C-alpha atoms as a PDB file:
ATOM      1  CA  MET A   1      -0.217  -0.174   0.087  1.00  0.00           C
ATOM      2  CA  GLY A   2       1.353   3.172  -1.000  1.00  0.00           C
ATOM      3  CA  SER A   3       1.648   6.458   1.267  1.00  0.00           C
ATOM      4  CA  GLU A   4      -1.202   7.926  -0.635  1.00  0.00           C
ATOM      5  CA  GLU A   5      -3.530   5.056  -0.135  1.00  0.00           C
ATOM      6  CA  ARG A   6      -2.429   4.921   3.930  1.00  0.00           C
ATOM      7  CA  ALA A   7      -3.359   8.573   4.368  1.00  0.00           C
ATOM      8  CA  ARG A   8      -6.583   7.934   2.904  1.00  0.00           C
ATOM      9  CA  VAL A   9      -7.318   4.837   5.253  1.00  0.00           C
ATOM     10  CA  VAL A  10      -6.670   6.931   8.438  1.00  0.00           C
ATOM     11  CA  VAL A  11      -8.784  10.117   7.189  1.00  0.00           C
ATOM     12  CA  ARG A  12     -11.390   7.602   6.815  1.00  0.00           C
ATOM     13  CA  GLY A  13     -10.931   6.166  10.616  1.00  0.00           C
ATOM     14  CA  VAL A  14     -10.534   9.225  11.872  1.00  0.00           C
ATOM     15  CA  ALA A  15     -13.849  10.317  10.740  1.00  0.00           C
ATOM     16  CA  LEU A  16     -15.631   6.600  11.603  1.00  0.00           C
ATOM     17  CA  LEU A  17     -14.468   7.424  15.059  1.00  0.00           C
ATOM     18  CA  ALA A  18     -15.992  11.126  15.408  1.00  0.00           C
ATOM     19  CA  ALA A  19     -19.359   9.780  13.966  1.00  0.00           C
ATOM     20  CA  CYS A  20     -19.690   7.457  16.931  1.00  0.00           C
ATOM     21  CA  SER A  21     -18.606   9.483  19.505  1.00  0.00           C
ATOM     22  CA  ALA A  22     -21.090  12.062  18.688  1.00  0.00           C
ATOM     23  CA  LEU A  23     -23.629   9.154  18.397  1.00  0.00           C
ATOM     24  CA  ALA A  24     -22.700   7.974  21.807  1.00  0.00           C
ATOM     25  CA  VAL A  25     -23.475  11.463  23.426  1.00  0.00           C
ATOM     26  CA  ALA A  26     -26.597  12.175  21.724  1.00  0.00           C
ATOM     27  CA  CYS A  27     -28.453   8.225  22.563  1.00  0.00           C
ATOM     28  CA  GLY A  28     -26.707   8.172  26.162  1.00  0.00           C
ATOM     29  CA  THR A  29     -29.939   5.922  26.474  1.00  0.00           C
ATOM     30  CA  SER A  30     -31.906   3.221  25.023  1.00  0.00           C
ATOM     31  CA  ASN A  31     -34.638   5.793  24.090  1.00  0.00           C
ATOM     32  CA  GLY A  32     -32.533   8.609  23.116  1.00  0.00           C
ATOM     33  CA  GLY A  33     -32.899  10.529  26.756  1.00  0.00           C
ATOM     34  CA  VAL A  34     -30.290  10.958  29.005  1.00  0.00           C
ATOM     35  CA  ASP A  35     -29.913   8.804  31.750  1.00  0.00           C
ATOM     36  CA  ASN A  36     -29.930  10.556  35.090  1.00  0.00           C
ATOM     37  CA  ASN A  37     -28.767   7.725  36.926  1.00  0.00           C
ATOM     38  CA  ASP A  38     -25.213   8.214  35.279  1.00  0.00           C
ATOM     39  CA  PRO A  39     -22.840   8.851  38.257  1.00  0.00           C
ATOM     40  CA  ALA A  40     -20.843  10.737  35.765  1.00  0.00           C
ATOM     41  CA  LEU A  41     -24.378  13.492  35.789  1.00  0.00           C
ATOM     42  CA  PRO A  42     -24.627  16.126  38.945  1.00  0.00           C
ATOM     43  CA  PRO A  43     -27.715  15.559  40.865  1.00  0.00           C
ATOM     44  CA  ASP A  44     -31.043  17.166  39.835  1.00  0.00           C
ATOM     45  CA  ARG A  45     -31.524  19.351  43.045  1.00  0.00           C
ATOM     46  CA  THR A  46     -34.623  21.195  41.771  1.00  0.00           C
ATOM     47  CA  ALA A  47     -37.203  18.483  42.267  1.00  0.00           C
ATOM     48  CA  VAL A  48     -39.469  18.690  45.021  1.00  0.00           C
ATOM     49  CA  ALA A  49     -40.384  16.124  47.463  1.00  0.00           C
ATOM     50  CA  PRO A  50     -43.752  15.072  47.518  1.00  0.00           C
ATOM     51  CA  ASP A  51     -45.282  15.615  51.057  1.00  0.00           C
ATOM     52  CA  PRO A  52     -46.479  12.866  53.097  1.00  0.00           C
ATOM     53  CA  THR A  53     -49.320  14.532  54.732  1.00  0.00           C
ATOM     54  CA  GLU A  54     -51.170  15.868  51.668  1.00  0.00           C
ATOM     55  CA  ARG A  55     -53.894  13.862  49.745  1.00  0.00           C
ATOM     56  CA  PRO A  56     -54.085  13.614  46.322  1.00  0.00           C
ATOM     57  CA  ALA A  57     -57.094  15.540  44.738  1.00  0.00           C
ATOM     58  CA  PHE A  58     -59.048  12.312  43.925  1.00  0.00           C
ATOM     59  CA  ASP A  59     -57.707   8.806  44.969  1.00  0.00           C
ATOM     60  CA  ALA A  60     -60.577   5.992  44.972  1.00  0.00           C
ATOM     61  CA  SER A  61     -58.533   3.648  46.685  1.00  0.00           C
ATOM     62  CA  LEU A  62     -58.362   6.333  49.781  1.00  0.00           C
ATOM     63  CA  PRO A  63     -61.083   6.565  52.683  1.00  0.00           C
ATOM     64  CA  PRO A  64     -63.097   9.517  53.171  1.00  0.00           C
ATOM     65  CA  ASP A  65     -61.513  12.708  54.892  1.00  0.00           C
ATOM     66  CA  GLU A  66     -63.334  13.285  58.009  1.00  0.00           C
ATOM     67  CA  ASP A  67     -62.226  16.147  58.366  1.00  0.00           C
ATOM     68  CA  ALA A  68     -63.787  17.260  54.744  1.00  0.00           C
ATOM     69  CA  GLY A  69     -67.645  18.901  55.383  1.00  0.00           C
ATOM     70  CA  ASP A  70     -70.146  19.674  53.279  1.00  0.00           C
ATOM     71  CA  GLY A  71     -69.894  23.394  53.812  1.00  0.00           C
ATOM     72  CA  GLY A  72     -72.406  23.314  57.153  1.00  0.00           C
ATOM     73  CA  GLY A  73     -73.230  21.417  60.585  1.00  0.00           C
ATOM     74  CA  ALA A  74     -75.644  20.328  62.567  1.00  0.00           C
ATOM     75  CA  ALA A  75     -77.816  22.664  63.890  1.00  0.00           C
ATOM     76  CA  GLY A  76     -77.779  22.869  67.752  1.00  0.00           C
ATOM     77  CA  ASP A  77     -81.060  24.253  69.493  1.00  0.00           C
ATOM     78  CA  GLY A  78     -79.654  27.172  69.804  1.00  0.00           C
ATOM     79  CA  GLY A  79     -81.460  28.688  73.145  1.00  0.00           C
ATOM     80  CA  VAL A  80     -85.012  27.896  71.326  1.00  0.00           C
ATOM     81  CA  CYS A  81     -87.783  26.050  73.152  1.00  0.00           C
ATOM     82  CA  ALA A  82     -88.493  22.731  71.733  1.00  0.00           C
ATOM     83  CA  ASP A  83     -92.375  22.138  71.590  1.00  0.00           C
ATOM     84  CA  PRO A  84     -93.098  19.822  69.026  1.00  0.00           C
ATOM     85  CA  ASP A  85     -96.484  18.590  69.837  1.00  0.00           C
ATOM     86  CA  ASP A  86     -98.045  21.362  71.515  1.00  0.00           C
ATOM     87  CA  GLN A  87    -101.099  21.019  73.696  1.00  0.00           C
ATOM     88  CA  GLY A  88    -104.502  23.019  72.971  1.00  0.00           C
ATOM     89  CA  GLY A  89    -104.226  26.492  74.509  1.00  0.00           C
ATOM     90  CA  ALA A  90    -108.544  26.868  75.384  1.00  0.00           C
ATOM     91  CA  SER A  91    -110.608  24.330  76.653  1.00  0.00           C
ATOM     92  CA  ASN A  92    -112.172  23.790  74.097  1.00  0.00           C
ATOM     93  CA  VAL A  93    -109.621  22.691  71.661  1.00  0.00           C
ATOM     94  CA  ALA A  94    -107.798  21.011  74.615  1.00  0.00           C
ATOM     95  CA  ARG A  95    -106.023  18.017  73.674  1.00  0.00           C
ATOM     96  CA  ALA A  96    -108.175  14.555  74.577  1.00  0.00           C
ATOM     97  CA  LEU A  97    -106.447  11.525  76.802  1.00  0.00           C
ATOM     98  CA  PRO A  98    -107.738   8.206  76.839  1.00  0.00           C
ATOM     99  CA  ASP A  99    -110.695   7.740  79.090  1.00  0.00           C
ATOM    100  CA  THR A 100    -110.759   5.907  82.461  1.00  0.00           C
ATOM    101  CA  ASN A 101    -112.740   5.144  85.101  1.00  0.00           C
ATOM    102  CA  ASP A 102    -112.596   4.429  88.738  1.00  0.00           C
ATOM    103  CA  CYS A 103    -112.693   0.635  88.686  1.00  0.00           C
ATOM    104  CA  ASP A 104    -108.837   1.478  87.121  1.00  0.00           C
ATOM    105  CA  ASN A 105    -106.885   2.975  89.919  1.00  0.00           C
ATOM    106  CA  SER A 106    -104.093   2.836  87.575  1.00  0.00           C
ATOM    107  CA  THR A 107    -102.036   6.599  87.734  1.00  0.00           C
ATOM    108  CA  LYS A 108    -102.004   7.792  84.158  1.00  0.00           C
ATOM    109  CA  SER A 109     -99.727  10.687  83.019  1.00  0.00           C
ATOM    110  CA  ALA A 110     -99.241  12.913  79.735  1.00  0.00           C
ATOM    111  CA  LYS A 111     -96.245  15.277  78.525  1.00  0.00           C
ATOM    112  CA  GLY A 112     -95.789  18.390  77.352  1.00  0.00           C
ATOM    113  CA  VAL A 113     -93.716  21.919  77.430  1.00  0.00           C
ATOM    114  CA  ILE A 114     -94.538  25.277  78.589  1.00  0.00           C
ATOM    115  CA  ASN A 115     -92.912  27.668  76.325  1.00  0.00           C
ATOM    116  CA  GLY A 116     -92.627  30.956  78.137  1.00  0.00           C
ATOM    117  CA  ALA A 117     -94.816  33.058  80.267  1.00  0.00           C
ATOM    118  CA  ALA A 118     -97.440  33.517  77.534  1.00  0.00           C
ATOM    119  CA  ASP A 119     -97.954  29.570  76.853  1.00  0.00           C
ATOM    120  CA  VAL A 120    -100.975  27.552  77.934  1.00  0.00           C
ATOM    121  CA  ASP A 121    -101.367  23.853  77.372  1.00  0.00           C
ATOM    122  CA  TYR A 122    -105.060  22.343  78.312  1.00  0.00           C
ATOM    123  CA  PHE A 123    -105.836  18.660  78.146  1.00  0.00           C
ATOM    124  CA  LYS A 124    -109.002  16.531  79.228  1.00  0.00           C
ATOM    125  CA  PHE A 125    -110.146  13.239  79.900  1.00  0.00           C
ATOM    126  CA  VAL A 126    -113.379  11.551  80.492  1.00  0.00           C
ATOM    127  CA  ALA A 127    -113.570   9.890  83.555  1.00  0.00           C
ATOM    128  CA  THR A 128    -116.636   7.539  84.429  1.00  0.00           C
ATOM    129  CA  ASP A 129    -118.128   6.215  87.725  1.00  0.00           C
ATOM    130  CA  LYS A 130    -118.800   2.938  88.109  1.00  0.00           C
ATOM    131  CA  THR A 131    -121.034   0.659  90.244  1.00  0.00           C
ATOM    132  CA  GLY A 132    -119.135  -1.056  92.819  1.00  0.00           C
ATOM    133  CA  CYS A 133    -115.956   0.871  92.446  1.00  0.00           C
ATOM    134  CA  SER A 134    -114.372   3.849  94.138  1.00  0.00           C
ATOM    135  CA  ILE A 135    -112.716   7.240  93.149  1.00  0.00           C
ATOM    136  CA  ASP A 136    -109.327   8.048  94.243  1.00  0.00           C
ATOM    137  CA  LEU A 137    -109.085  11.056  92.303  1.00  0.00           C
ATOM    138  CA  GLY A 138    -105.468  13.086  92.256  1.00  0.00           C
ATOM    139  CA  PHE A 139    -103.322  15.206  90.213  1.00  0.00           C
ATOM    140  CA  GLY A 140     -99.776  16.013  90.055  1.00  0.00           C
ATOM    141  CA  THR A 141     -96.274  17.163  88.647  1.00  0.00           C
ATOM    142  CA  SER A 142     -93.031  17.053  89.893  1.00  0.00           C
ATOM    143  CA  ALA A 143     -91.868  19.745  87.366  1.00  0.00           C
ATOM    144  CA  PRO A 144     -91.109  23.371  88.889  1.00  0.00           C
ATOM    145  CA  GLY A 145     -92.133  26.453  88.406  1.00  0.00           C
ATOM    146  CA  LEU A 146     -95.769  25.579  87.053  1.00  0.00           C
ATOM    147  CA  GLU A 147     -99.542  26.316  87.616  1.00  0.00           C
ATOM    148  CA  LEU A 148    -101.622  23.660  87.587  1.00  0.00           C
ATOM    149  CA  CYS A 149    -105.545  23.530  87.735  1.00  0.00           C
ATOM    150  CA  VAL A 150    -108.192  21.320  87.039  1.00  0.00           C
ATOM    151  CA  TRP A 151    -111.702  21.355  86.346  1.00  0.00           C
ATOM    152  CA  PRO A 152    -114.227  18.894  86.506  1.00  0.00           C
ATOM    153  CA  ALA A 153    -117.563  19.531  84.702  1.00  0.00           C
ATOM    154  CA  CYS A 154    -120.063  16.485  85.915  1.00  0.00           C
ATOM    155  CA  MET A 155    -121.846  14.574  83.043  1.00  0.00           C
ATOM    156  CA  THR A 156    -124.966  15.472  84.124  1.00  0.00           C
ATOM    157  CA  GLY A 157    -126.288  18.581  86.320  1.00  0.00           C
ATOM    158  CA  THR A 158    -124.043  21.499  87.893  1.00  0.00           C
ATOM    159  CA  THR A 159    -120.880  20.845  89.438  1.00  0.00           C
ATOM    160  CA  THR A 160    -120.505  21.295  93.182  1.00  0.00           C
ATOM    161  CA  LEU A 161    -116.790  21.865  94.176  1.00  0.00           C
ATOM    162  CA  SER A 162    -116.521  21.218  97.762  1.00  0.00           C
ATOM    163  CA  LYS A 163    -112.647  21.396  98.633  1.00  0.00           C
ATOM    164  CA  CYS A 164    -109.190  21.797  96.707  1.00  0.00           C
ATOM    165  CA  THR A 165    -106.906  19.499  99.009  1.00  0.00           C
ATOM    166  CA  GLY A 166    -103.151  21.022  98.242  1.00  0.00           C
ATOM    167  CA  GLY A 167    -104.635  23.836  95.503  1.00  0.00           C
ATOM    168  CA  THR A 168    -106.819  26.879  95.858  1.00  0.00           C
ATOM    169  CA  ARG A 169    -110.081  27.799  94.332  1.00  0.00           C
ATOM    170  CA  THR A 170    -109.989  28.905  91.251  1.00  0.00           C
ATOM    171  CA  LYS A 171    -112.922  29.534  88.486  1.00  0.00           C
ATOM    172  CA  ASN A 172    -112.154  28.810  84.980  1.00  0.00           C
ATOM    173  CA  PRO A 173    -111.484  31.635  82.261  1.00  0.00           C
ATOM    174  CA  GLN A 174    -113.412  30.126  79.916  1.00  0.00           C
ATOM    175  CA  THR A 175    -116.483  28.790  81.483  1.00  0.00           C
ATOM    176  CA  ASN A 176    -116.534  30.015  84.653  1.00  0.00           C
ATOM    177  CA  GLU A 177    -116.870  26.765  86.491  1.00  0.00           C
ATOM    178  CA  ASP A 178    -115.105  26.205  89.750  1.00  0.00           C
ATOM    179  CA  GLY A 179    -111.829  24.282  89.935  1.00  0.00           C
ATOM    180  CA  CYS A 180    -108.591  24.179  91.888  1.00  0.00           C
ATOM    181  CA  CYS A 181    -104.893  25.401  90.942  1.00  0.00           C
ATOM    182  CA  MET A 182    -101.663  24.843  92.750  1.00  0.00           C
ATOM    183  CA  LYS A 183     -98.180  25.859  92.362  1.00  0.00           C
ATOM    184  CA  SER A 184     -95.665  23.152  91.416  1.00  0.00           C
ATOM    185  CA  PRO A 185     -94.509  20.713  92.384  1.00  0.00           C
ATOM    186  CA  GLY A 186     -96.908  19.183  94.456  1.00  0.00           C
ATOM    187  CA  ASN A 187     -99.931  16.733  94.196  1.00  0.00           C
ATOM    188  CA  MET A 188    -103.845  17.952  94.589  1.00  0.00           C
ATOM    189  CA  VAL A 189    -107.149  16.677  94.926  1.00  0.00           C
ATOM    190  CA  PRO A 190    -110.611  18.664  93.693  1.00  0.00           C
ATOM    191  CA  GLU A 191    -113.126  17.390  95.565  1.00  0.00           C
ATOM    192  CA  TYR A 192    -116.520  17.554  93.849  1.00  0.00           C
ATOM    193  CA  ASP A 193    -120.141  16.395  93.537  1.00  0.00           C
ATOM    194  CA  CYS A 194    -122.460  15.768  91.152  1.00  0.00           C
ATOM    195  CA  PRO A 195    -125.971  15.917  91.776  1.00  0.00           C
ATOM    196  CA  GLY A 196    -128.278  12.619  91.044  1.00  0.00           C
ATOM    197  CA  LEU A 197    -129.817   9.820  92.887  1.00  0.00           C
ATOM    198  CA  PHE A 198    -127.738   7.600  92.066  1.00  0.00           C
ATOM    199  CA  ASP A 199    -124.621   9.221  93.415  1.00  0.00           C
ATOM    200  CA  ASP A 200    -123.042   9.422  89.587  1.00  0.00           C
ATOM    201  CA  ASP A 201    -119.574  11.365  90.348  1.00  0.00           C
ATOM    202  CA  SER A 202    -119.222  10.766  86.346  1.00  0.00           C
ATOM    203  CA  ALA A 203    -117.246  13.892  84.822  1.00  0.00           C
ATOM    204  CA  THR A 204    -115.288  15.497  82.246  1.00  0.00           C
ATOM    205  CA  PHE A 205    -111.965  16.609  83.312  1.00  0.00           C
ATOM    206  CA  PHE A 206    -110.148  20.051  82.174  1.00  0.00           C
ATOM    207  CA  VAL A 207    -106.514  20.311  83.100  1.00  0.00           C
ATOM    208  CA  ARG A 208    -104.411  23.347  82.469  1.00  0.00           C
ATOM    209  CA  LEU A 209    -100.649  24.076  83.010  1.00  0.00           C
ATOM    210  CA  ARG A 210     -99.055  27.065  82.602  1.00  0.00           C
ATOM    211  CA  SER A 211     -95.889  28.533  83.639  1.00  0.00           C
ATOM    212  CA  ALA A 212     -96.336  30.116  87.595  1.00  0.00           C
ATOM    213  CA  GLY A 213     -94.963  33.255  86.497  1.00  0.00           C
ATOM    214  CA  ALA A 214     -90.962  33.003  84.646  1.00  0.00           C
ATOM    215  CA  ASN A 215     -90.413  33.399  81.053  1.00  0.00           C
ATOM    216  CA  GLN A 216     -88.854  29.737  80.770  1.00  0.00           C
ATOM    217  CA  CYS A 217     -88.962  26.609  78.762  1.00  0.00           C
ATOM    218  CA  ILE A 218     -90.431  23.811  81.211  1.00  0.00           C
ATOM    219  CA  PRO A 219     -90.582  20.299  79.986  1.00  0.00           C
ATOM    220  CA  TYR A 220     -93.192  18.569  82.355  1.00  0.00           C
ATOM    221  CA  THR A 221     -94.850  15.307  82.557  1.00  0.00           C
ATOM    222  CA  TRP A 222     -98.365  15.445  84.972  1.00  0.00           C
ATOM    223  CA  THR A 223    -100.278  12.565  86.384  1.00  0.00           C
ATOM    224  CA  TYR A 224    -103.816  11.833  87.196  1.00  0.00           C
ATOM    225  CA  LYS A 225    -106.235   9.158  88.446  1.00  0.00           C
ATOM    226  CA  PHE A 226    -109.706   8.342  89.020  1.00  0.00           C
END
């Protein structure tokens, strides 16, 4: 091989070597990108590590966030007196209770709420005086701050009120009938009599509860028996 031919071979070899070197730099990884794990490259200090306490925008595999709300909350009572089953405010719209008789001397009860000084609750029930049984009348409540009044109205004839044991004689402001009132807590017996030859003291009883004067919310239970 002559000197000229050797020179051409050397030039081709140098050119091939330069091409291979350039290809190796551009294609440092199999997919044409730069290998970040190459120890020759400096570490990337611009990346921000994720916050382990931060939830992603949505991930169905995560449990619900207990701190997340719906924009509102459960409403408290806010000082409001809850009286969902308000009784009638007068004798003619009194809440009717189950009838009873003097052969059933069990004590019965009814509930309500007095919502302030102006609120009034009326109840009524029919009590039948049966032959062979004895009347054991009584009314009471353990709730403080109330006035409890009872007006008996005989089924036949005019009612005669003889005494208010545990209370004071008071006329019904709507019917002008005599009855008994007491301040709670306590118990009371309105002693009355109905006219007739057969001593039948069957009667309808009207019961009123209201605040004894204070403007407050008073839940109560009152009892009665005949």
